[in-house]
Amino acid sequence: MGARSKRWDFFRPAGKFTERNAVSRGEASGLVSLLYERRGEARRIWHHLRDDFLRLDREVKGAVEAMDRVHASGDNRDEML
């Protein structure tokens, strides 16, 4: 029981438990729902950012490969820019 009680101590409010800092089951349920909703929003934002980054990474790699091909062909048009 020692390990289990230590683990659950993390979830207990700091200080003495009183009715004032108690959370009802409905409030706790609402908070959990809100956390899952926010987590879903954060995941959607993360995936959009990741997709944008990967797209830009492909575009940059394509531009670098094009520049390498130009240099390999001996065409120096890019030096005029």
PDB file of N, CA and C in Angstrom:
ATOM      1  N   MET A   1       0.826  -1.193   0.000  1.00  0.00           N
ATOM      2  CA  MET A   1       0.000   0.000   0.000  1.00  0.00           C
ATOM      3  C   MET A   1       0.867   1.251   0.000  1.00  0.00           C
ATOM      4  N   GLY A   2       2.087   1.149   0.427  1.00  0.00           N
ATOM      5  CA  GLY A   2       2.945   2.316   0.514  1.00  0.00           C
ATOM      6  C   GLY A   2       3.123   3.014  -0.827  1.00  0.00           C
ATOM      7  N   ALA A   3       3.386   2.237  -1.883  1.00  0.00           N
ATOM      8  CA  ALA A   3       3.602   2.841  -3.198  1.00  0.00           C
ATOM      9  C   ALA A   3       2.309   3.453  -3.728  1.00  0.00           C
ATOM     10  N   ARG A   4       1.214   2.779  -3.489  1.00  0.00           N
ATOM     11  CA  ARG A   4      -0.056   3.299  -4.007  1.00  0.00           C
ATOM     12  C   ARG A   4      -0.449   4.595  -3.306  1.00  0.00           C
ATOM     13  N   SER A   5      -0.278   4.652  -2.008  1.00  0.00           N
ATOM     14  CA  SER A   5      -0.670   5.873  -1.300  1.00  0.00           C
ATOM     15  C   SER A   5       0.214   7.043  -1.719  1.00  0.00           C
ATOM     16  N   LYS A   6       1.487   6.798  -1.991  1.00  0.00           N
ATOM     17  CA  LYS A   6       2.360   7.871  -2.443  1.00  0.00           C
ATOM     18  C   LYS A   6       1.917   8.380  -3.811  1.00  0.00           C
ATOM     19  N   ARG A   7       1.534   7.459  -4.659  1.00  0.00           N
ATOM     20  CA  ARG A   7       1.097   7.849  -6.001  1.00  0.00           C
ATOM     21  C   ARG A   7      -0.149   8.714  -5.925  1.00  0.00           C
ATOM     22  N   TRP A   8      -1.100   8.357  -5.086  1.00  0.00           N
ATOM     23  CA  TRP A   8      -2.347   9.113  -5.004  1.00  0.00           C
ATOM     24  C   TRP A   8      -2.187  10.415  -4.232  1.00  0.00           C
ATOM     25  N   ASP A   9      -1.123  10.538  -3.415  1.00  0.00           N
ATOM     26  CA  ASP A   9      -0.882  11.800  -2.730  1.00  0.00           C
ATOM     27  C   ASP A   9      -0.666  12.939  -3.710  1.00  0.00           C
ATOM     28  N   PHE A  10      -0.168  12.614  -4.893  1.00  0.00           N
ATOM     29  CA  PHE A  10       0.059  13.633  -5.906  1.00  0.00           C
ATOM     30  C   PHE A  10      -1.238  14.340  -6.301  1.00  0.00           C
ATOM     31  N   PHE A  11      -2.337  13.600  -6.282  1.00  0.00           N
ATOM     32  CA  PHE A  11      -3.610  14.150  -6.732  1.00  0.00           C
ATOM     33  C   PHE A  11      -4.388  14.861  -5.631  1.00  0.00           C
ATOM     34  N   ARG A  12      -3.926  14.795  -4.421  1.00  0.00           N
ATOM     35  CA  ARG A  12      -4.624  15.446  -3.315  1.00  0.00           C
ATOM     36  C   ARG A  12      -4.289  16.928  -3.296  1.00  0.00           C
ATOM     37  N   PRO A  13      -5.249  17.771  -2.940  1.00  0.00           N
ATOM     38  CA  PRO A  13      -4.953  19.207  -2.886  1.00  0.00           C
ATOM     39  C   PRO A  13      -3.944  19.498  -1.780  1.00  0.00           C
ATOM     40  N   ALA A  14      -3.134  20.512  -2.028  1.00  0.00           N
ATOM     41  CA  ALA A  14      -2.151  20.899  -1.025  1.00  0.00           C
ATOM     42  C   ALA A  14      -2.873  21.480   0.178  1.00  0.00           C
ATOM     43  N   GLY A  15      -2.405  21.190   1.355  1.00  0.00           N
ATOM     44  CA  GLY A  15      -3.030  21.712   2.564  1.00  0.00           C
ATOM     45  C   GLY A  15      -4.152  20.816   3.037  1.00  0.00           C
ATOM     46  N   LYS A  16      -4.862  21.291   4.004  1.00  0.00           N
ATOM     47  CA  LYS A  16      -5.930  20.513   4.616  1.00  0.00           C
ATOM     48  C   LYS A  16      -7.158  20.511   3.711  1.00  0.00           C
ATOM     49  N   PHE A  17      -7.761  19.345   3.583  1.00  0.00           N
ATOM     50  CA  PHE A  17      -8.969  19.226   2.762  1.00  0.00           C
ATOM     51  C   PHE A  17     -10.147  19.848   3.514  1.00  0.00           C
ATOM     52  N   THR A  18     -10.841  20.740   2.863  1.00  0.00           N
ATOM     53  CA  THR A  18     -12.028  21.358   3.457  1.00  0.00           C
ATOM     54  C   THR A  18     -13.139  21.349   2.422  1.00  0.00           C
ATOM     55  N   GLU A  19     -14.332  21.645   2.871  1.00  0.00           N
ATOM     56  CA  GLU A  19     -15.462  21.726   1.935  1.00  0.00           C
ATOM     57  C   GLU A  19     -15.246  22.842   0.908  1.00  0.00           C
ATOM     58  N   ARG A  20     -14.521  23.863   1.301  1.00  0.00           N
ATOM     59  CA  ARG A  20     -14.307  24.994   0.405  1.00  0.00           C
ATOM     60  C   ARG A  20     -13.500  24.609  -0.837  1.00  0.00           C
ATOM     61  N   ASN A  21     -12.498  23.714  -0.691  1.00  0.00           N
ATOM     62  CA  ASN A  21     -11.699  23.340  -1.858  1.00  0.00           C
ATOM     63  C   ASN A  21     -12.151  22.015  -2.470  1.00  0.00           C
ATOM     64  N   ALA A  22     -13.302  21.536  -2.053  1.00  0.00           N
ATOM     65  CA  ALA A  22     -13.840  20.302  -2.618  1.00  0.00           C
ATOM     66  C   ALA A  22     -14.446  20.593  -3.993  1.00  0.00           C
ATOM     67  N   VAL A  23     -14.356  19.615  -4.879  1.00  0.00           N
ATOM     68  CA  VAL A  23     -14.935  19.730  -6.221  1.00  0.00           C
ATOM     69  C   VAL A  23     -16.005  18.666  -6.343  1.00  0.00           C
ATOM     70  N   SER A  24     -17.176  19.080  -6.789  1.00  0.00           N
ATOM     71  CA  SER A  24     -18.254  18.106  -6.939  1.00  0.00           C
ATOM     72  C   SER A  24     -17.966  17.205  -8.138  1.00  0.00           C
ATOM     73  N   ARG A  25     -18.664  16.084  -8.172  1.00  0.00           N
ATOM     74  CA  ARG A  25     -18.481  15.152  -9.281  1.00  0.00           C
ATOM     75  C   ARG A  25     -18.851  15.797 -10.610  1.00  0.00           C
ATOM     76  N   GLY A  26     -19.892  16.605 -10.608  1.00  0.00           N
ATOM     77  CA  GLY A  26     -20.302  17.287 -11.838  1.00  0.00           C
ATOM     78  C   GLY A  26     -19.247  18.267 -12.313  1.00  0.00           C
ATOM     79  N   GLU A  27     -18.679  19.024 -11.370  1.00  0.00           N
ATOM     80  CA  GLU A  27     -17.612  19.962 -11.750  1.00  0.00           C
ATOM     81  C   GLU A  27     -16.398  19.214 -12.277  1.00  0.00           C
ATOM     82  N   ALA A  28     -16.036  18.132 -11.631  1.00  0.00           N
ATOM     83  CA  ALA A  28     -14.885  17.345 -12.080  1.00  0.00           C
ATOM     84  C   ALA A  28     -15.139  16.778 -13.471  1.00  0.00           C
ATOM     85  N   SER A  29     -16.346  16.286 -13.691  1.00  0.00           N
ATOM     86  CA  SER A  29     -16.691  15.744 -14.998  1.00  0.00           C
ATOM     87  C   SER A  29     -16.614  16.827 -16.069  1.00  0.00           C
ATOM     88  N   GLY A  30     -17.115  18.019 -15.744  1.00  0.00           N
ATOM     89  CA  GLY A  30     -17.055  19.133 -16.689  1.00  0.00           C
ATOM     90  C   GLY A  30     -15.624  19.539 -16.994  1.00  0.00           C
ATOM     91  N   LEU A  31     -14.769  19.544 -15.957  1.00  0.00           N
ATOM     92  CA  LEU A  31     -13.368  19.896 -16.165  1.00  0.00           C
ATOM     93  C   LEU A  31     -12.655  18.866 -17.038  1.00  0.00           C
ATOM     94  N   VAL A  32     -12.948  17.601 -16.810  1.00  0.00           N
ATOM     95  CA  VAL A  32     -12.336  16.547 -17.620  1.00  0.00           C
ATOM     96  C   VAL A  32     -12.787  16.678 -19.068  1.00  0.00           C
ATOM     97  N   SER A  33     -14.073  16.945 -19.282  1.00  0.00           N
ATOM     98  CA  SER A  33     -14.571  17.129 -20.648  1.00  0.00           C
ATOM     99  C   SER A  33     -13.885  18.307 -21.325  1.00  0.00           C
ATOM    100  N   LEU A  34     -13.718  19.389 -20.595  1.00  0.00           N
ATOM    101  CA  LEU A  34     -13.051  20.571 -21.133  1.00  0.00           C
ATOM    102  C   LEU A  34     -11.597  20.266 -21.495  1.00  0.00           C
ATOM    103  N   LEU A  35     -10.915  19.510 -20.637  1.00  0.00           N
ATOM    104  CA  LEU A  35      -9.527  19.140 -20.925  1.00  0.00           C
ATOM    105  C   LEU A  35      -9.428  18.298 -22.192  1.00  0.00           C
ATOM    106  N   TYR A  36     -10.330  17.324 -22.358  1.00  0.00           N
ATOM    107  CA  TYR A  36     -10.307  16.502 -23.565  1.00  0.00           C
ATOM    108  C   TYR A  36     -10.605  17.339 -24.805  1.00  0.00           C
ATOM    109  N   GLU A  37     -11.528  18.288 -24.678  1.00  0.00           N
ATOM    110  CA  GLU A  37     -11.856  19.163 -25.802  1.00  0.00           C
ATOM    111  C   GLU A  37     -10.642  20.008 -26.189  1.00  0.00           C
ATOM    112  N   ARG A  38      -9.990  20.599 -25.190  1.00  0.00           N
ATOM    113  CA  ARG A  38      -8.796  21.412 -25.454  1.00  0.00           C
ATOM    114  C   ARG A  38      -7.670  20.559 -26.034  1.00  0.00           C
ATOM    115  N   ARG A  39      -7.542  19.335 -25.540  1.00  0.00           N
ATOM    116  CA  ARG A  39      -6.512  18.441 -26.071  1.00  0.00           C
ATOM    117  C   ARG A  39      -6.782  18.153 -27.545  1.00  0.00           C
ATOM    118  N   GLY A  40      -8.056  17.960 -27.878  1.00  0.00           N
ATOM    119  CA  GLY A  40      -8.413  17.727 -29.276  1.00  0.00           C
ATOM    120  C   GLY A  40      -8.079  18.924 -30.142  1.00  0.00           C
ATOM    121  N   GLU A  41      -8.368  20.135 -29.646  1.00  0.00           N
ATOM    122  CA  GLU A  41      -8.023  21.346 -30.392  1.00  0.00           C
ATOM    123  C   GLU A  41      -6.522  21.459 -30.574  1.00  0.00           C
ATOM    124  N   ALA A  42      -5.773  21.182 -29.518  1.00  0.00           N
ATOM    125  CA  ALA A  42      -4.315  21.272 -29.592  1.00  0.00           C
ATOM    126  C   ALA A  42      -3.769  20.262 -30.596  1.00  0.00           C
ATOM    127  N   ARG A  43      -4.336  19.077 -30.619  1.00  0.00           N
ATOM    128  CA  ARG A  43      -3.876  18.050 -31.571  1.00  0.00           C
ATOM    129  C   ARG A  43      -4.157  18.482 -33.000  1.00  0.00           C
ATOM    130  N   ARG A  44      -5.345  19.068 -33.239  1.00  0.00           N
ATOM    131  CA  ARG A  44      -5.666  19.531 -34.591  1.00  0.00           C
ATOM    132  C   ARG A  44      -4.708  20.637 -35.024  1.00  0.00           C
ATOM    133  N   ILE A  45      -4.416  21.570 -34.135  1.00  0.00           N
ATOM    134  CA  ILE A  45      -3.476  22.651 -34.461  1.00  0.00           C
ATOM    135  C   ILE A  45      -2.096  22.069 -34.742  1.00  0.00           C
ATOM    136  N   TRP A  46      -1.660  21.139 -33.904  1.00  0.00           N
ATOM    137  CA  TRP A  46      -0.351  20.515 -34.086  1.00  0.00           C
ATOM    138  C   TRP A  46      -0.262  19.831 -35.444  1.00  0.00           C
ATOM    139  N   HIS A  47      -1.307  19.093 -35.834  1.00  0.00           N
ATOM    140  CA  HIS A  47      -1.279  18.385 -37.108  1.00  0.00           C
ATOM    141  C   HIS A  47      -1.242  19.362 -38.281  1.00  0.00           C
ATOM    142  N   HIS A  48      -1.973  20.474 -38.184  1.00  0.00           N
ATOM    143  CA  HIS A  48      -1.922  21.487 -39.248  1.00  0.00           C
ATOM    144  C   HIS A  48      -0.518  22.069 -39.359  1.00  0.00           C
ATOM    145  N   LEU A  49       0.081  22.403 -38.225  1.00  0.00           N
ATOM    146  CA  LEU A  49       1.436  22.961 -38.242  1.00  0.00           C
ATOM    147  C   LEU A  49       2.442  21.958 -38.791  1.00  0.00           C
ATOM    148  N   ARG A  50       2.296  20.722 -38.381  1.00  0.00           N
ATOM    149  CA  ARG A  50       3.204  19.671 -38.868  1.00  0.00           C
ATOM    150  C   ARG A  50       3.071  19.502 -40.378  1.00  0.00           C
ATOM    151  N   ASP A  51       1.834  19.485 -40.881  1.00  0.00           N
ATOM    152  CA  ASP A  51       1.615  19.348 -42.321  1.00  0.00           C
ATOM    153  C   ASP A  51       2.207  20.527 -43.081  1.00  0.00           C
ATOM    154  N   ASP A  52       2.032  21.740 -42.550  1.00  0.00           N
ATOM    155  CA  ASP A  52       2.621  22.927 -43.186  1.00  0.00           C
ATOM    156  C   ASP A  52       4.143  22.835 -43.205  1.00  0.00           C
ATOM    157  N   PHE A  53       4.726  22.413 -42.101  1.00  0.00           N
ATOM    158  CA  PHE A  53       6.175  22.283 -42.038  1.00  0.00           C
ATOM    159  C   PHE A  53       6.670  21.258 -43.048  1.00  0.00           C
ATOM    160  N   LEU A  54       6.009  20.104 -43.125  1.00  0.00           N
ATOM    161  CA  LEU A  54       6.442  19.068 -44.058  1.00  0.00           C
ATOM    162  C   LEU A  54       6.311  19.541 -45.503  1.00  0.00           C
ATOM    163  N   ARG A  55       5.248  20.295 -45.812  1.00  0.00           N
ATOM    164  CA  ARG A  55       5.069  20.833 -47.159  1.00  0.00           C
ATOM    165  C   ARG A  55       6.194  21.809 -47.492  1.00  0.00           C
ATOM    166  N   LEU A  56       6.492  22.716 -46.569  1.00  0.00           N
ATOM    167  CA  LEU A  56       7.580  23.669 -46.796  1.00  0.00           C
ATOM    168  C   LEU A  56       8.921  22.956 -46.926  1.00  0.00           C
ATOM    169  N   ASP A  57       9.131  21.934 -46.144  1.00  0.00           N
ATOM    170  CA  ASP A  57      10.371  21.169 -46.211  1.00  0.00           C
ATOM    171  C   ASP A  57      10.531  20.541 -47.591  1.00  0.00           C
ATOM    172  N   ARG A  58       9.446  19.982 -48.143  1.00  0.00           N
ATOM    173  CA  ARG A  58       9.506  19.393 -49.489  1.00  0.00           C
ATOM    174  C   ARG A  58       9.801  20.466 -50.534  1.00  0.00           C
ATOM    175  N   GLU A  59       9.174  21.642 -50.387  1.00  0.00           N
ATOM    176  CA  GLU A  59       9.402  22.721 -51.352  1.00  0.00           C
ATOM    177  C   GLU A  59      10.852  23.193 -51.314  1.00  0.00           C
ATOM    178  N   VAL A  60      11.421  23.327 -50.126  1.00  0.00           N
ATOM    179  CA  VAL A  60      12.814  23.767 -50.001  1.00  0.00           C
ATOM    180  C   VAL A  60      13.745  22.714 -50.589  1.00  0.00           C
ATOM    181  N   LYS A  61      13.476  21.452 -50.293  1.00  0.00           N
ATOM    182  CA  LYS A  61      14.318  20.390 -50.850  1.00  0.00           C
ATOM    183  C   LYS A  61      14.248  20.391 -52.372  1.00  0.00           C
ATOM    184  N   GLY A  62      13.058  20.615 -52.911  1.00  0.00           N
ATOM    185  CA  GLY A  62      12.911  20.685 -54.367  1.00  0.00           C
ATOM    186  C   GLY A  62      13.689  21.845 -54.956  1.00  0.00           C
ATOM    187  N   ALA A  63      13.655  22.994 -54.296  1.00  0.00           N
ATOM    188  CA  ALA A  63      14.401  24.159 -54.781  1.00  0.00           C
ATOM    189  C   ALA A  63      15.903  23.906 -54.722  1.00  0.00           C
ATOM    190  N   VAL A  64      16.373  23.277 -53.655  1.00  0.00           N
ATOM    191  CA  VAL A  64      17.806  22.978 -53.522  1.00  0.00           C
ATOM    192  C   VAL A  64      18.225  21.991 -54.602  1.00  0.00           C
ATOM    193  N   GLU A  65      17.408  20.974 -54.851  1.00  0.00           N
ATOM    194  CA  GLU A  65      17.732  20.002 -55.901  1.00  0.00           C
ATOM    195  C   GLU A  65      17.766  20.676 -57.267  1.00  0.00           C
ATOM    196  N   ALA A  66      16.845  21.612 -57.520  1.00  0.00           N
ATOM    197  CA  ALA A  66      16.848  22.333 -58.792  1.00  0.00           C
ATOM    198  C   ALA A  66      18.119  23.164 -58.939  1.00  0.00           C
ATOM    199  N   MET A  67      18.542  23.824 -57.869  1.00  0.00           N
ATOM    200  CA  MET A  67      19.775  24.608 -57.915  1.00  0.00           C
ATOM    201  C   MET A  67      20.984  23.704 -58.148  1.00  0.00           C
ATOM    202  N   ASP A  68      20.981  22.537 -57.525  1.00  0.00           N
ATOM    203  CA  ASP A  68      22.087  21.591 -57.729  1.00  0.00           C
ATOM    204  C   ASP A  68      22.141  21.124 -59.173  1.00  0.00           C
ATOM    205  N   ARG A  69      20.979  20.883 -59.783  1.00  0.00           N
ATOM    206  CA  ARG A  69      20.944  20.463 -61.187  1.00  0.00           C
ATOM    207  C   ARG A  69      21.484  21.566 -62.093  1.00  0.00           C
ATOM    208  N   VAL A  70      21.116  22.812 -61.794  1.00  0.00           N
ATOM    209  CA  VAL A  70      21.600  23.933 -62.601  1.00  0.00           C
ATOM    210  C   VAL A  70      23.118  24.030 -62.495  1.00  0.00           C
ATOM    211  N   HIS A  71      23.654  23.918 -61.296  1.00  0.00           N
ATOM    212  CA  HIS A  71      25.106  23.995 -61.114  1.00  0.00           C
ATOM    213  C   HIS A  71      25.804  22.819 -61.794  1.00  0.00           C
ATOM    214  N   ALA A  72      25.189  21.650 -61.728  1.00  0.00           N
ATOM    215  CA  ALA A  72      25.795  20.461 -62.335  1.00  0.00           C
ATOM    216  C   ALA A  72      25.807  20.572 -63.857  1.00  0.00           C
ATOM    217  N   SER A  73      24.825  21.271 -64.437  1.00  0.00           N
ATOM    218  CA  SER A  73      24.758  21.395 -65.888  1.00  0.00           C
ATOM    219  C   SER A  73      25.708  22.469 -66.414  1.00  0.00           C
ATOM    220  N   GLY A  74      26.271  23.263 -65.524  1.00  0.00           N
ATOM    221  CA  GLY A  74      27.201  24.302 -65.936  1.00  0.00           C
ATOM    222  C   GLY A  74      26.508  25.588 -66.329  1.00  0.00           C
ATOM    223  N   ASP A  75      25.221  25.664 -66.180  1.00  0.00           N
ATOM    224  CA  ASP A  75      24.471  26.877 -66.501  1.00  0.00           C
ATOM    225  C   ASP A  75      24.608  27.843 -65.332  1.00  0.00           C
ATOM    226  N   ASN A  76      25.062  29.059 -65.577  1.00  0.00           N
ATOM    227  CA  ASN A  76      25.302  30.015 -64.507  1.00  0.00           C
ATOM    228  C   ASN A  76      24.290  31.147 -64.501  1.00  0.00           C
ATOM    229  N   ARG A  77      23.079  30.860 -64.942  1.00  0.00           N
ATOM    230  CA  ARG A  77      22.064  31.908 -64.961  1.00  0.00           C
ATOM    231  C   ARG A  77      21.742  32.419 -63.563  1.00  0.00           C
ATOM    232  N   ASP A  78      21.851  31.563 -62.548  1.00  0.00           N
ATOM    233  CA  ASP A  78      21.516  32.007 -61.189  1.00  0.00           C
ATOM    234  C   ASP A  78      22.519  33.034 -60.675  1.00  0.00           C
ATOM    235  N   GLU A  79      23.737  33.080 -61.240  1.00  0.00           N
ATOM    236  CA  GLU A  79      24.716  34.080 -60.808  1.00  0.00           C
ATOM    237  C   GLU A  79      24.331  35.478 -61.265  1.00  0.00           C
ATOM    238  N   MET A  80      23.518  35.575 -62.311  1.00  0.00           N
ATOM    239  CA  MET A  80      23.089  36.872 -62.804  1.00  0.00           C
ATOM    240  C   MET A  80      22.052  37.508 -61.887  1.00  0.00           C
ATOM    241  N   LEU A  81      21.438  36.692 -61.036  1.00  0.00           N
ATOM    242  CA  LEU A  81      20.409  37.230 -60.144  1.00  0.00           C
ATOM    243  C   LEU A  81      21.035  38.039 -59.123  1.00  0.00           C
TER     244      LEU A  81
END
